[in-house]
Amino acid sequence: MLFDFHTHTTLSDGVLLPMELIRRAVVAGYTALGISDHCSAGTMERVISEVRPDCELAREHWDFVALTGIELTHVPAEAIADLAAEAKALGAEYVVVHGESPVEPVAAGTNLAACRCADVDILAHPGLLTAEAAEAAADNEVFIELTCRQGHCLANGLVAQVAAEAGAEMLLNTDAHAPEDLLSEEFAWIVASGAGLQGEQIERVLVDNPIALLARVGIEL
């Protein structure tokens, strides 16, 4: 089973239309795909309204689980809770927050603000994740991302260790921007193993937790 909840299209900085990205995922053997283009206060409504019809078409005609999400990107940490709630009200099925990646100048405090927010579902590539943020993620059922994305992935080992110690649940996503970024089961296991996970931990991150996120938005496999 293949799941990916962090992908991008031409609506932000990806290279495929939402419909083509969905089709590529179908052909690649995905079980479910979430589209979460970069957004901020001024772009959320437009992006959600443009992604959602393609996801609905895929569900109707291909019986494929395609989800409408967004990634709040480089927004002030103090605004995350309000923007995440607004995104849900506008029709986003889940909300990703662009975490404090080691390769981008994300505002300090973003990780903690995201993990404290009940309307945030995934903290993406959090970089030097702290125990405080991971514990908040566990308390608020925010999934911590392990990422396949070059640069963002540099802290995967630390992220996995800190999240596991805090009891925070993890997901593995691609942060795909192009068709060649899409996942395979073999590569997913390699990335999870490289982050220091083993056996049942990997199964939980790659299968159990994605199924739990789908259940959160009302989809039972």
N, C-alpha and C. Protein backbone atom coordinates (compact mmCIF):
# COMPACT_ATOMS: atom_id res chain seq x y z
N MET A 1 0.85 -1.20 0.00
CA MET A 1 0.00 0.00 0.00
C MET A 1 0.88 1.25 0.00
N LEU A 2 0.48 2.23 -0.77
CA LEU A 2 1.25 3.45 -0.92
C LEU A 2 0.38 4.67 -0.61
N PHE A 3 0.88 5.51 0.29
CA PHE A 3 0.15 6.70 0.70
C PHE A 3 1.09 7.90 0.63
N ASP A 4 0.56 9.04 0.28
CA ASP A 4 1.36 10.25 0.21
C ASP A 4 0.43 11.44 0.38
N PHE A 5 0.68 12.24 1.41
CA PHE A 5 -0.21 13.36 1.71
C PHE A 5 0.48 14.72 1.54
N HIS A 6 1.64 14.72 0.92
CA HIS A 6 2.37 15.98 0.75
C HIS A 6 2.91 16.04 -0.67
N THR A 7 2.13 16.65 -1.57
CA THR A 7 2.51 16.78 -2.96
C THR A 7 2.10 18.16 -3.48
N HIS A 8 2.73 18.56 -4.59
CA HIS A 8 2.52 19.90 -5.12
C HIS A 8 2.24 19.85 -6.62
N THR A 9 1.46 20.81 -7.09
CA THR A 9 1.05 20.90 -8.49
C THR A 9 1.40 22.28 -9.04
N THR A 10 0.93 22.55 -10.26
CA THR A 10 1.15 23.87 -10.86
C THR A 10 0.46 24.99 -10.08
N LEU A 11 -0.41 24.63 -9.14
CA LEU A 11 -1.07 25.66 -8.34
C LEU A 11 -0.11 26.29 -7.33
N SER A 12 1.05 25.66 -7.12
CA SER A 12 2.12 26.33 -6.37
C SER A 12 3.41 26.15 -7.16
N ASP A 13 4.29 25.23 -6.77
CA ASP A 13 5.58 25.11 -7.45
C ASP A 13 5.83 23.73 -8.05
N GLY A 14 4.76 22.95 -8.26
CA GLY A 14 4.89 21.67 -8.93
C GLY A 14 4.79 21.82 -10.44
N VAL A 15 4.97 20.69 -11.17
CA VAL A 15 5.01 20.77 -12.63
C VAL A 15 3.79 20.14 -13.30
N LEU A 16 2.92 19.48 -12.54
CA LEU A 16 1.75 18.82 -13.11
C LEU A 16 0.46 19.49 -12.61
N LEU A 17 -0.56 19.47 -13.45
CA LEU A 17 -1.89 19.85 -13.00
C LEU A 17 -2.37 18.85 -11.94
N PRO A 18 -3.27 19.25 -11.06
CA PRO A 18 -3.79 18.31 -10.07
C PRO A 18 -4.30 17.00 -10.69
N MET A 19 -5.04 17.10 -11.79
CA MET A 19 -5.61 15.91 -12.41
C MET A 19 -4.53 14.97 -12.91
N GLU A 20 -3.48 15.54 -13.52
CA GLU A 20 -2.41 14.66 -14.01
C GLU A 20 -1.62 14.04 -12.87
N LEU A 21 -1.38 14.80 -11.82
CA LEU A 21 -0.68 14.22 -10.67
C LEU A 21 -1.47 13.05 -10.10
N ILE A 22 -2.78 13.22 -9.99
CA ILE A 22 -3.62 12.12 -9.51
C ILE A 22 -3.50 10.92 -10.43
N ARG A 23 -3.57 11.16 -11.73
CA ARG A 23 -3.48 10.04 -12.68
C ARG A 23 -2.14 9.32 -12.58
N ARG A 24 -1.08 10.08 -12.45
CA ARG A 24 0.24 9.47 -12.29
C ARG A 24 0.30 8.59 -11.03
N ALA A 25 -0.34 9.05 -9.97
CA ALA A 25 -0.36 8.27 -8.73
C ALA A 25 -1.17 6.99 -8.90
N VAL A 26 -2.27 7.08 -9.61
CA VAL A 26 -3.08 5.89 -9.89
C VAL A 26 -2.23 4.85 -10.62
N VAL A 27 -1.55 5.27 -11.67
CA VAL A 27 -0.75 4.36 -12.48
C VAL A 27 0.44 3.82 -11.69
N ALA A 28 0.96 4.62 -10.76
CA ALA A 28 2.10 4.18 -9.94
C ALA A 28 1.70 3.22 -8.83
N GLY A 29 0.40 2.94 -8.70
CA GLY A 29 -0.04 1.98 -7.71
C GLY A 29 -0.33 2.55 -6.33
N TYR A 30 -0.52 3.85 -6.26
CA TYR A 30 -0.84 4.47 -4.97
C TYR A 30 -2.20 3.97 -4.46
N THR A 31 -2.33 3.94 -3.15
CA THR A 31 -3.60 3.67 -2.49
C THR A 31 -4.39 4.96 -2.28
N ALA A 32 -3.68 6.02 -1.91
CA ALA A 32 -4.31 7.33 -1.69
C ALA A 32 -3.27 8.42 -1.91
N LEU A 33 -3.74 9.55 -2.42
CA LEU A 33 -2.88 10.69 -2.67
C LEU A 33 -3.53 11.94 -2.11
N GLY A 34 -2.77 12.73 -1.39
CA GLY A 34 -3.23 14.05 -0.96
C GLY A 34 -2.46 15.13 -1.68
N ILE A 35 -3.16 16.14 -2.15
CA ILE A 35 -2.53 17.29 -2.81
C ILE A 35 -2.53 18.44 -1.82
N SER A 36 -1.35 18.96 -1.53
CA SER A 36 -1.23 20.00 -0.50
C SER A 36 -0.31 21.11 -1.00
N ASP A 37 -0.82 21.89 -1.93
CA ASP A 37 0.00 22.98 -2.49
C ASP A 37 0.30 24.05 -1.45
N HIS A 38 1.43 24.72 -1.67
CA HIS A 38 1.81 25.81 -0.78
C HIS A 38 0.74 26.90 -0.79
N CYS A 39 0.38 27.35 0.40
CA CYS A 39 -0.65 28.39 0.53
C CYS A 39 -0.31 29.33 1.68
N SER A 40 -0.91 30.49 1.61
CA SER A 40 -0.92 31.42 2.73
C SER A 40 -2.29 32.08 2.75
N ALA A 41 -2.44 33.13 3.51
CA ALA A 41 -3.77 33.71 3.72
C ALA A 41 -4.45 34.11 2.41
N GLY A 42 -3.68 34.63 1.46
CA GLY A 42 -4.27 35.16 0.25
C GLY A 42 -4.57 34.15 -0.83
N THR A 43 -4.05 32.93 -0.71
CA THR A 43 -4.19 31.95 -1.79
C THR A 43 -4.99 30.70 -1.41
N MET A 44 -5.32 30.54 -0.14
CA MET A 44 -5.98 29.30 0.29
C MET A 44 -7.28 29.04 -0.44
N GLU A 45 -8.13 30.03 -0.50
CA GLU A 45 -9.47 29.82 -1.07
C GLU A 45 -9.38 29.39 -2.53
N ARG A 46 -8.53 30.06 -3.31
CA ARG A 46 -8.39 29.71 -4.72
C ARG A 46 -7.85 28.29 -4.89
N VAL A 47 -6.81 27.95 -4.17
CA VAL A 47 -6.19 26.64 -4.33
C VAL A 47 -7.15 25.51 -3.95
N ILE A 48 -7.80 25.66 -2.83
CA ILE A 48 -8.75 24.63 -2.39
C ILE A 48 -9.86 24.46 -3.43
N SER A 49 -10.37 25.57 -3.93
CA SER A 49 -11.48 25.50 -4.88
C SER A 49 -11.07 24.88 -6.21
N GLU A 50 -9.78 24.95 -6.57
CA GLU A 50 -9.32 24.38 -7.82
C GLU A 50 -8.90 22.92 -7.70
N VAL A 51 -8.42 22.53 -6.53
CA VAL A 51 -7.99 21.14 -6.34
C VAL A 51 -9.18 20.22 -6.10
N ARG A 52 -10.13 20.69 -5.34
CA ARG A 52 -11.23 19.82 -4.91
C ARG A 52 -12.00 19.17 -6.06
N PRO A 53 -12.35 19.87 -7.15
CA PRO A 53 -13.10 19.21 -8.23
C PRO A 53 -12.34 18.05 -8.87
N ASP A 54 -11.03 18.18 -9.01
CA ASP A 54 -10.26 17.08 -9.59
C ASP A 54 -10.21 15.88 -8.65
N CYS A 55 -10.09 16.12 -7.37
CA CYS A 55 -10.12 15.02 -6.40
C CYS A 55 -11.48 14.30 -6.45
N GLU A 56 -12.53 15.07 -6.57
CA GLU A 56 -13.87 14.48 -6.64
C GLU A 56 -14.05 13.66 -7.92
N LEU A 57 -13.51 14.14 -9.05
CA LEU A 57 -13.57 13.38 -10.29
C LEU A 57 -12.84 12.04 -10.16
N ALA A 58 -11.68 12.07 -9.53
CA ALA A 58 -10.91 10.84 -9.37
C ALA A 58 -11.65 9.83 -8.49
N ARG A 59 -12.28 10.32 -7.46
CA ARG A 59 -13.05 9.42 -6.58
C ARG A 59 -14.23 8.81 -7.34
N GLU A 60 -14.88 9.64 -8.15
CA GLU A 60 -16.08 9.18 -8.83
C GLU A 60 -15.78 8.21 -9.97
N HIS A 61 -14.80 8.54 -10.79
CA HIS A 61 -14.60 7.79 -12.03
C HIS A 61 -13.50 6.72 -11.94
N TRP A 62 -12.54 6.90 -11.03
CA TRP A 62 -11.45 5.93 -10.92
C TRP A 62 -11.49 5.18 -9.59
N ASP A 63 -12.47 5.50 -8.75
CA ASP A 63 -12.55 4.88 -7.42
C ASP A 63 -11.22 5.00 -6.70
N PHE A 64 -10.64 6.19 -6.80
CA PHE A 64 -9.32 6.43 -6.22
C PHE A 64 -9.43 7.50 -5.14
N VAL A 65 -8.75 7.28 -4.02
CA VAL A 65 -8.81 8.22 -2.90
C VAL A 65 -7.84 9.37 -3.17
N ALA A 66 -8.39 10.52 -3.53
CA ALA A 66 -7.61 11.74 -3.72
C ALA A 66 -8.15 12.79 -2.76
N LEU A 67 -7.27 13.41 -2.01
CA LEU A 67 -7.67 14.33 -0.95
C LEU A 67 -7.22 15.76 -1.25
N THR A 68 -8.06 16.69 -0.85
CA THR A 68 -7.75 18.12 -0.99
C THR A 68 -7.14 18.64 0.30
N GLY A 69 -5.87 18.99 0.23
CA GLY A 69 -5.21 19.58 1.39
C GLY A 69 -4.54 20.88 1.01
N ILE A 70 -3.86 21.47 1.96
CA ILE A 70 -3.00 22.63 1.69
C ILE A 70 -1.76 22.50 2.57
N GLU A 71 -0.72 23.23 2.20
CA GLU A 71 0.46 23.36 3.06
C GLU A 71 0.65 24.83 3.40
N LEU A 72 0.38 25.19 4.64
CA LEU A 72 0.65 26.55 5.09
C LEU A 72 2.15 26.75 5.11
N THR A 73 2.63 27.72 4.33
CA THR A 73 4.06 27.83 4.04
C THR A 73 4.58 29.21 4.40
N HIS A 74 5.56 29.26 5.29
CA HIS A 74 6.23 30.50 5.69
C HIS A 74 5.25 31.54 6.21
N VAL A 75 4.19 31.10 6.87
CA VAL A 75 3.29 32.06 7.51
C VAL A 75 3.78 32.33 8.93
N PRO A 76 3.44 33.46 9.52
CA PRO A 76 3.85 33.71 10.91
C PRO A 76 3.31 32.61 11.83
N ALA A 77 4.14 32.19 12.75
CA ALA A 77 3.74 31.12 13.66
C ALA A 77 2.46 31.50 14.41
N GLU A 78 2.33 32.77 14.75
CA GLU A 78 1.17 33.23 15.52
C GLU A 78 -0.14 33.13 14.72
N ALA A 79 -0.04 33.00 13.39
CA ALA A 79 -1.23 32.96 12.54
C ALA A 79 -1.66 31.54 12.18
N ILE A 80 -0.86 30.55 12.55
CA ILE A 80 -1.12 29.18 12.09
C ILE A 80 -2.49 28.67 12.53
N ALA A 81 -2.85 28.86 13.78
CA ALA A 81 -4.12 28.32 14.28
C ALA A 81 -5.31 28.92 13.52
N ASP A 82 -5.30 30.22 13.32
CA ASP A 82 -6.41 30.87 12.62
C ASP A 82 -6.47 30.43 11.15
N LEU A 83 -5.32 30.35 10.50
CA LEU A 83 -5.29 29.97 9.09
C LEU A 83 -5.67 28.51 8.89
N ALA A 84 -5.25 27.64 9.79
CA ALA A 84 -5.62 26.22 9.69
C ALA A 84 -7.12 26.05 9.84
N ALA A 85 -7.71 26.75 10.79
CA ALA A 85 -9.16 26.68 10.97
C ALA A 85 -9.88 27.22 9.75
N GLU A 86 -9.37 28.31 9.18
CA GLU A 86 -9.99 28.88 7.98
C GLU A 86 -9.90 27.91 6.81
N ALA A 87 -8.76 27.24 6.67
CA ALA A 87 -8.59 26.28 5.58
C ALA A 87 -9.61 25.15 5.67
N LYS A 88 -9.83 24.65 6.88
CA LYS A 88 -10.84 23.60 7.06
C LYS A 88 -12.23 24.13 6.70
N ALA A 89 -12.52 25.34 7.10
CA ALA A 89 -13.82 25.93 6.80
C ALA A 89 -14.02 26.13 5.29
N LEU A 90 -12.93 26.34 4.56
CA LEU A 90 -12.99 26.52 3.12
C LEU A 90 -13.06 25.21 2.34
N GLY A 91 -12.92 24.09 3.05
CA GLY A 91 -13.06 22.81 2.40
C GLY A 91 -11.82 21.95 2.32
N ALA A 92 -10.72 22.38 2.90
CA ALA A 92 -9.54 21.52 2.96
C ALA A 92 -9.84 20.32 3.85
N GLU A 93 -9.51 19.13 3.35
CA GLU A 93 -9.76 17.93 4.14
C GLU A 93 -8.68 17.70 5.19
N TYR A 94 -7.51 18.26 4.95
CA TYR A 94 -6.43 18.16 5.94
C TYR A 94 -5.48 19.33 5.72
N VAL A 95 -4.72 19.66 6.75
CA VAL A 95 -3.81 20.80 6.70
C VAL A 95 -2.39 20.34 7.07
N VAL A 96 -1.45 20.69 6.21
CA VAL A 96 -0.03 20.48 6.45
C VAL A 96 0.58 21.84 6.79
N VAL A 97 1.54 21.85 7.70
CA VAL A 97 2.31 23.07 7.96
C VAL A 97 3.76 22.83 7.56
N HIS A 98 4.30 23.75 6.80
CA HIS A 98 5.70 23.72 6.37
C HIS A 98 6.58 23.97 7.60
N GLY A 99 7.20 22.91 8.06
CA GLY A 99 7.98 23.01 9.29
C GLY A 99 9.34 23.67 9.11
N GLU A 100 10.10 23.69 10.20
CA GLU A 100 11.37 24.42 10.27
C GLU A 100 12.50 23.61 9.64
N SER A 101 12.37 23.39 8.35
CA SER A 101 13.36 22.65 7.57
C SER A 101 14.76 23.23 7.76
N PRO A 102 15.78 22.37 7.74
CA PRO A 102 17.15 22.88 7.87
C PRO A 102 17.63 23.67 6.66
N VAL A 103 16.88 23.67 5.57
CA VAL A 103 17.36 24.33 4.35
C VAL A 103 16.50 25.53 3.92
N GLU A 104 15.59 25.97 4.79
CA GLU A 104 14.79 27.15 4.48
C GLU A 104 14.63 28.02 5.73
N PRO A 105 14.46 29.34 5.54
CA PRO A 105 14.38 30.26 6.68
C PRO A 105 12.98 30.36 7.27
N VAL A 106 12.46 29.24 7.74
CA VAL A 106 11.12 29.22 8.34
C VAL A 106 11.16 29.94 9.69
N ALA A 107 10.11 30.66 9.99
CA ALA A 107 10.06 31.44 11.23
C ALA A 107 10.17 30.53 12.45
N ALA A 108 11.01 30.92 13.38
CA ALA A 108 11.14 30.18 14.63
C ALA A 108 9.79 30.12 15.33
N GLY A 109 9.50 28.97 15.91
CA GLY A 109 8.23 28.79 16.61
C GLY A 109 7.16 28.14 15.76
N THR A 110 7.44 27.96 14.46
CA THR A 110 6.46 27.35 13.57
C THR A 110 6.14 25.92 13.98
N ASN A 111 7.17 25.13 14.28
CA ASN A 111 6.92 23.73 14.65
C ASN A 111 6.01 23.63 15.87
N LEU A 112 6.33 24.40 16.90
CA LEU A 112 5.56 24.32 18.14
C LEU A 112 4.13 24.80 17.92
N ALA A 113 3.97 25.89 17.18
CA ALA A 113 2.62 26.40 16.93
C ALA A 113 1.78 25.39 16.17
N ALA A 114 2.39 24.72 15.18
CA ALA A 114 1.66 23.71 14.41
C ALA A 114 1.27 22.53 15.28
N CYS A 115 2.19 22.10 16.12
CA CYS A 115 1.92 20.92 16.96
C CYS A 115 0.91 21.20 18.06
N ARG A 116 0.70 22.45 18.38
CA ARG A 116 -0.28 22.82 19.40
C ARG A 116 -1.67 23.04 18.81
N CYS A 117 -1.79 22.92 17.49
CA CYS A 117 -3.04 23.29 16.80
C CYS A 117 -3.84 22.05 16.42
N ALA A 118 -5.06 21.97 16.91
CA ALA A 118 -5.92 20.81 16.64
C ALA A 118 -6.36 20.75 15.18
N ASP A 119 -6.30 21.87 14.45
CA ASP A 119 -6.70 21.88 13.04
C ASP A 119 -5.55 21.53 12.09
N VAL A 120 -4.36 21.36 12.62
CA VAL A 120 -3.22 20.92 11.81
C VAL A 120 -3.15 19.40 11.87
N ASP A 121 -2.97 18.78 10.72
CA ASP A 121 -2.90 17.32 10.66
C ASP A 121 -1.48 16.79 10.51
N ILE A 122 -0.62 17.53 9.81
CA ILE A 122 0.74 17.07 9.55
C ILE A 122 1.71 18.24 9.70
N LEU A 123 2.78 18.02 10.46
CA LEU A 123 3.91 18.94 10.49
C LEU A 123 4.96 18.39 9.54
N ALA A 124 5.19 19.10 8.44
CA ALA A 124 6.12 18.62 7.41
C ALA A 124 7.56 18.99 7.75
N HIS A 125 8.47 18.13 7.35
CA HIS A 125 9.93 18.33 7.48
C HIS A 125 10.30 19.32 8.58
N PRO A 126 10.17 18.91 9.83
CA PRO A 126 10.35 19.85 10.94
C PRO A 126 11.80 20.17 11.31
N GLY A 127 12.76 19.56 10.65
CA GLY A 127 14.15 19.90 10.97
C GLY A 127 14.54 19.48 12.37
N LEU A 128 15.07 20.41 13.15
CA LEU A 128 15.55 20.10 14.50
C LEU A 128 14.37 20.09 15.48
N LEU A 129 13.56 19.07 15.34
CA LEU A 129 12.35 18.92 16.16
C LEU A 129 12.72 18.84 17.63
N THR A 130 12.02 19.60 18.46
CA THR A 130 12.27 19.57 19.90
C THR A 130 11.32 18.60 20.59
N ALA A 131 11.72 18.17 21.78
CA ALA A 131 10.85 17.31 22.57
C ALA A 131 9.55 18.02 22.90
N GLU A 132 9.60 19.32 23.16
CA GLU A 132 8.38 20.07 23.49
C GLU A 132 7.39 20.03 22.34
N ALA A 133 7.88 20.25 21.13
CA ALA A 133 6.99 20.23 19.96
C ALA A 133 6.45 18.83 19.72
N ALA A 134 7.31 17.82 19.85
CA ALA A 134 6.87 16.44 19.64
C ALA A 134 5.82 16.02 20.66
N GLU A 135 5.99 16.44 21.90
CA GLU A 135 5.00 16.11 22.93
C GLU A 135 3.68 16.81 22.64
N ALA A 136 3.74 18.04 22.16
CA ALA A 136 2.51 18.75 21.77
C ALA A 136 1.84 18.04 20.60
N ALA A 137 2.64 17.53 19.66
CA ALA A 137 2.08 16.78 18.53
C ALA A 137 1.36 15.53 19.02
N ALA A 138 1.95 14.84 19.97
CA ALA A 138 1.31 13.65 20.53
C ALA A 138 -0.01 14.01 21.21
N ASP A 139 -0.01 15.10 21.95
CA ASP A 139 -1.22 15.52 22.66
C ASP A 139 -2.34 15.93 21.71
N ASN A 140 -1.98 16.54 20.57
CA ASN A 140 -2.98 17.09 19.65
C ASN A 140 -3.18 16.26 18.39
N GLU A 141 -2.58 15.07 18.36
CA GLU A 141 -2.73 14.13 17.25
C GLU A 141 -2.29 14.74 15.92
N VAL A 142 -1.19 15.46 15.97
CA VAL A 142 -0.56 15.99 14.76
C VAL A 142 0.50 14.99 14.32
N PHE A 143 0.42 14.55 13.07
CA PHE A 143 1.41 13.63 12.55
C PHE A 143 2.71 14.37 12.22
N ILE A 144 3.83 13.77 12.58
CA ILE A 144 5.14 14.31 12.26
C ILE A 144 5.65 13.63 10.99
N GLU A 145 6.12 14.44 10.06
CA GLU A 145 6.53 13.90 8.75
C GLU A 145 8.00 13.50 8.72
N LEU A 146 8.24 12.30 8.17
CA LEU A 146 9.54 11.93 7.63
C LEU A 146 9.44 12.16 6.13
N THR A 147 10.45 12.79 5.55
CA THR A 147 10.33 13.23 4.17
C THR A 147 11.36 12.60 3.25
N CYS A 148 10.95 12.40 2.01
CA CYS A 148 11.85 11.93 0.97
C CYS A 148 12.55 13.08 0.26
N ARG A 149 12.19 14.30 0.57
CA ARG A 149 12.64 15.46 -0.20
C ARG A 149 14.09 15.82 0.12
N GLN A 150 14.88 16.00 -0.95
CA GLN A 150 16.27 16.39 -0.79
C GLN A 150 16.38 17.65 0.05
N GLY A 151 17.35 17.70 0.94
CA GLY A 151 17.53 18.86 1.80
C GLY A 151 16.65 18.79 3.03
N HIS A 152 15.36 18.76 2.84
CA HIS A 152 14.44 18.65 3.96
C HIS A 152 14.69 17.38 4.77
N CYS A 153 15.19 16.33 4.09
CA CYS A 153 15.35 15.02 4.74
C CYS A 153 16.57 14.93 5.65
N LEU A 154 17.39 15.98 5.70
CA LEU A 154 18.64 15.90 6.43
C LEU A 154 18.45 15.62 7.92
N ALA A 155 17.29 15.97 8.46
CA ALA A 155 17.06 15.77 9.89
C ALA A 155 16.16 14.56 10.17
N ASN A 156 15.88 13.72 9.18
CA ASN A 156 14.96 12.59 9.39
C ASN A 156 15.31 11.74 10.59
N GLY A 157 16.59 11.45 10.78
CA GLY A 157 16.99 10.59 11.89
C GLY A 157 16.63 11.20 13.23
N LEU A 158 16.94 12.47 13.41
CA LEU A 158 16.59 13.17 14.65
C LEU A 158 15.08 13.24 14.81
N VAL A 159 14.38 13.57 13.74
CA VAL A 159 12.92 13.68 13.80
C VAL A 159 12.31 12.37 14.26
N ALA A 160 12.74 11.27 13.69
CA ALA A 160 12.19 9.96 14.06
C ALA A 160 12.47 9.64 15.52
N GLN A 161 13.66 9.93 15.97
CA GLN A 161 14.03 9.63 17.36
C GLN A 161 13.21 10.46 18.34
N VAL A 162 13.14 11.76 18.11
CA VAL A 162 12.43 12.65 19.04
C VAL A 162 10.93 12.35 19.03
N ALA A 163 10.37 12.13 17.85
CA ALA A 163 8.95 11.82 17.76
C ALA A 163 8.62 10.51 18.48
N ALA A 164 9.44 9.51 18.28
CA ALA A 164 9.19 8.21 18.92
C ALA A 164 9.28 8.33 20.43
N GLU A 165 10.25 9.05 20.92
CA GLU A 165 10.41 9.21 22.37
C GLU A 165 9.24 9.95 22.99
N ALA A 166 8.62 10.85 22.24
CA ALA A 166 7.49 11.63 22.75
C ALA A 166 6.15 10.92 22.54
N GLY A 167 6.16 9.82 21.80
CA GLY A 167 4.91 9.13 21.51
C GLY A 167 4.11 9.79 20.41
N ALA A 168 4.76 10.63 19.58
CA ALA A 168 4.09 11.27 18.45
C ALA A 168 4.08 10.32 17.26
N GLU A 169 2.99 10.29 16.54
CA GLU A 169 2.88 9.42 15.38
C GLU A 169 3.51 10.09 14.16
N MET A 170 4.05 9.26 13.27
CA MET A 170 4.75 9.77 12.08
C MET A 170 4.11 9.25 10.80
N LEU A 171 4.32 10.02 9.73
CA LEU A 171 3.98 9.63 8.37
C LEU A 171 5.22 9.82 7.50
N LEU A 172 5.27 9.10 6.39
CA LEU A 172 6.32 9.34 5.41
C LEU A 172 5.68 9.88 4.14
N ASN A 173 6.16 11.04 3.69
CA ASN A 173 5.65 11.68 2.49
C ASN A 173 6.79 12.03 1.54
N THR A 174 6.44 12.27 0.27
CA THR A 174 7.47 12.58 -0.71
C THR A 174 7.79 14.06 -0.84
N ASP A 175 6.80 14.94 -0.57
CA ASP A 175 6.94 16.35 -0.93
C ASP A 175 7.18 16.44 -2.43
N ALA A 176 6.43 15.66 -3.20
CA ALA A 176 6.64 15.56 -4.64
C ALA A 176 6.29 16.86 -5.35
N HIS A 177 7.15 17.24 -6.29
CA HIS A 177 6.91 18.39 -7.16
C HIS A 177 6.86 17.99 -8.63
N ALA A 178 7.24 16.76 -8.93
CA ALA A 178 7.30 16.26 -10.30
C ALA A 178 6.99 14.77 -10.30
N PRO A 179 6.61 14.20 -11.45
CA PRO A 179 6.21 12.79 -11.47
C PRO A 179 7.30 11.84 -11.00
N GLU A 180 8.56 12.18 -11.26
CA GLU A 180 9.65 11.30 -10.84
C GLU A 180 9.83 11.28 -9.32
N ASP A 181 9.17 12.19 -8.62
CA ASP A 181 9.26 12.20 -7.15
C ASP A 181 8.30 11.21 -6.49
N LEU A 182 7.37 10.66 -7.24
CA LEU A 182 6.38 9.77 -6.63
C LEU A 182 7.03 8.53 -6.06
N LEU A 183 6.34 7.95 -5.11
CA LEU A 183 6.90 6.93 -4.25
C LEU A 183 6.77 5.53 -4.83
N SER A 184 7.65 4.64 -4.39
CA SER A 184 7.49 3.20 -4.57
C SER A 184 7.58 2.57 -3.19
N GLU A 185 7.02 1.37 -3.03
CA GLU A 185 7.08 0.71 -1.73
C GLU A 185 8.52 0.47 -1.30
N GLU A 186 9.36 0.08 -2.25
CA GLU A 186 10.77 -0.18 -1.92
C GLU A 186 11.45 1.07 -1.39
N PHE A 187 11.24 2.21 -2.08
CA PHE A 187 11.91 3.43 -1.65
C PHE A 187 11.36 3.93 -0.33
N ALA A 188 10.07 3.76 -0.11
CA ALA A 188 9.48 4.15 1.17
C ALA A 188 10.15 3.41 2.32
N TRP A 189 10.37 2.12 2.15
CA TRP A 189 11.04 1.33 3.19
C TRP A 189 12.48 1.78 3.38
N ILE A 190 13.15 2.14 2.29
CA ILE A 190 14.53 2.60 2.41
C ILE A 190 14.60 3.89 3.22
N VAL A 191 13.72 4.84 2.92
CA VAL A 191 13.74 6.12 3.64
C VAL A 191 13.40 5.92 5.11
N ALA A 192 12.39 5.11 5.39
CA ALA A 192 12.01 4.85 6.78
C ALA A 192 13.14 4.14 7.53
N SER A 193 13.76 3.19 6.89
CA SER A 193 14.88 2.47 7.52
C SER A 193 16.05 3.41 7.75
N GLY A 194 16.31 4.29 6.77
CA GLY A 194 17.39 5.24 6.90
C GLY A 194 17.19 6.23 8.03
N ALA A 195 15.94 6.46 8.40
CA ALA A 195 15.63 7.34 9.54
C ALA A 195 15.79 6.62 10.87
N GLY A 196 16.10 5.32 10.82
CA GLY A 196 16.34 4.57 12.04
C GLY A 196 15.18 3.73 12.51
N LEU A 197 14.11 3.66 11.72
CA LEU A 197 12.96 2.84 12.11
C LEU A 197 13.19 1.39 11.72
N GLN A 198 12.47 0.51 12.41
CA GLN A 198 12.62 -0.92 12.15
C GLN A 198 11.25 -1.61 12.22
N GLY A 199 11.13 -2.71 11.47
CA GLY A 199 10.01 -3.63 11.60
C GLY A 199 8.65 -3.02 11.76
N GLU A 200 8.04 -3.23 12.93
CA GLU A 200 6.68 -2.77 13.18
C GLU A 200 6.58 -1.24 13.15
N GLN A 201 7.67 -0.56 13.51
CA GLN A 201 7.66 0.90 13.42
C GLN A 201 7.44 1.36 11.98
N ILE A 202 8.13 0.71 11.06
CA ILE A 202 8.00 1.07 9.65
C ILE A 202 6.59 0.81 9.16
N GLU A 203 6.05 -0.34 9.52
CA GLU A 203 4.68 -0.68 9.10
C GLU A 203 3.69 0.35 9.64
N ARG A 204 3.91 0.81 10.84
CA ARG A 204 3.01 1.79 11.43
C ARG A 204 3.08 3.12 10.68
N VAL A 205 4.28 3.55 10.36
CA VAL A 205 4.48 4.82 9.67
C VAL A 205 3.96 4.78 8.23
N LEU A 206 4.21 3.67 7.54
CA LEU A 206 3.87 3.59 6.12
C LEU A 206 2.43 3.18 5.85
N VAL A 207 1.81 2.44 6.79
CA VAL A 207 0.47 1.90 6.52
C VAL A 207 -0.54 2.29 7.59
N ASP A 208 -0.27 1.97 8.84
CA ASP A 208 -1.27 2.17 9.88
C ASP A 208 -1.63 3.64 10.07
N ASN A 209 -0.62 4.49 10.14
CA ASN A 209 -0.90 5.91 10.37
C ASN A 209 -1.57 6.59 9.18
N PRO A 210 -1.18 6.29 7.94
CA PRO A 210 -1.96 6.83 6.82
C PRO A 210 -3.42 6.40 6.84
N ILE A 211 -3.68 5.16 7.18
CA ILE A 211 -5.07 4.70 7.28
C ILE A 211 -5.80 5.47 8.38
N ALA A 212 -5.10 5.75 9.47
CA ALA A 212 -5.71 6.53 10.56
C ALA A 212 -6.02 7.96 10.11
N LEU A 213 -5.14 8.56 9.30
CA LEU A 213 -5.41 9.90 8.80
C LEU A 213 -6.62 9.89 7.86
N LEU A 214 -6.69 8.88 7.02
CA LEU A 214 -7.87 8.77 6.15
C LEU A 214 -9.16 8.62 6.95
N ALA A 215 -9.10 7.84 8.01
CA ALA A 215 -10.28 7.68 8.86
C ALA A 215 -10.68 9.01 9.49
N ARG A 216 -9.70 9.83 9.80
CA ARG A 216 -9.97 11.14 10.39
C ARG A 216 -10.81 12.00 9.46
N VAL A 217 -10.62 11.85 8.15
CA VAL A 217 -11.38 12.65 7.19
C VAL A 217 -12.57 11.87 6.64
N GLY A 218 -12.89 10.74 7.26
CA GLY A 218 -14.11 10.03 6.93
C GLY A 218 -13.99 8.99 5.83
N ILE A 219 -12.75 8.55 5.56
CA ILE A 219 -12.54 7.55 4.51
C ILE A 219 -12.04 6.26 5.12
N GLU A 220 -12.80 5.19 4.93
CA GLU A 220 -12.42 3.87 5.43
C GLU A 220 -11.99 3.01 4.25
N LEU A 221 -10.80 2.43 4.34
CA LEU A 221 -10.33 1.54 3.28
C LEU A 221 -10.87 0.14 3.47
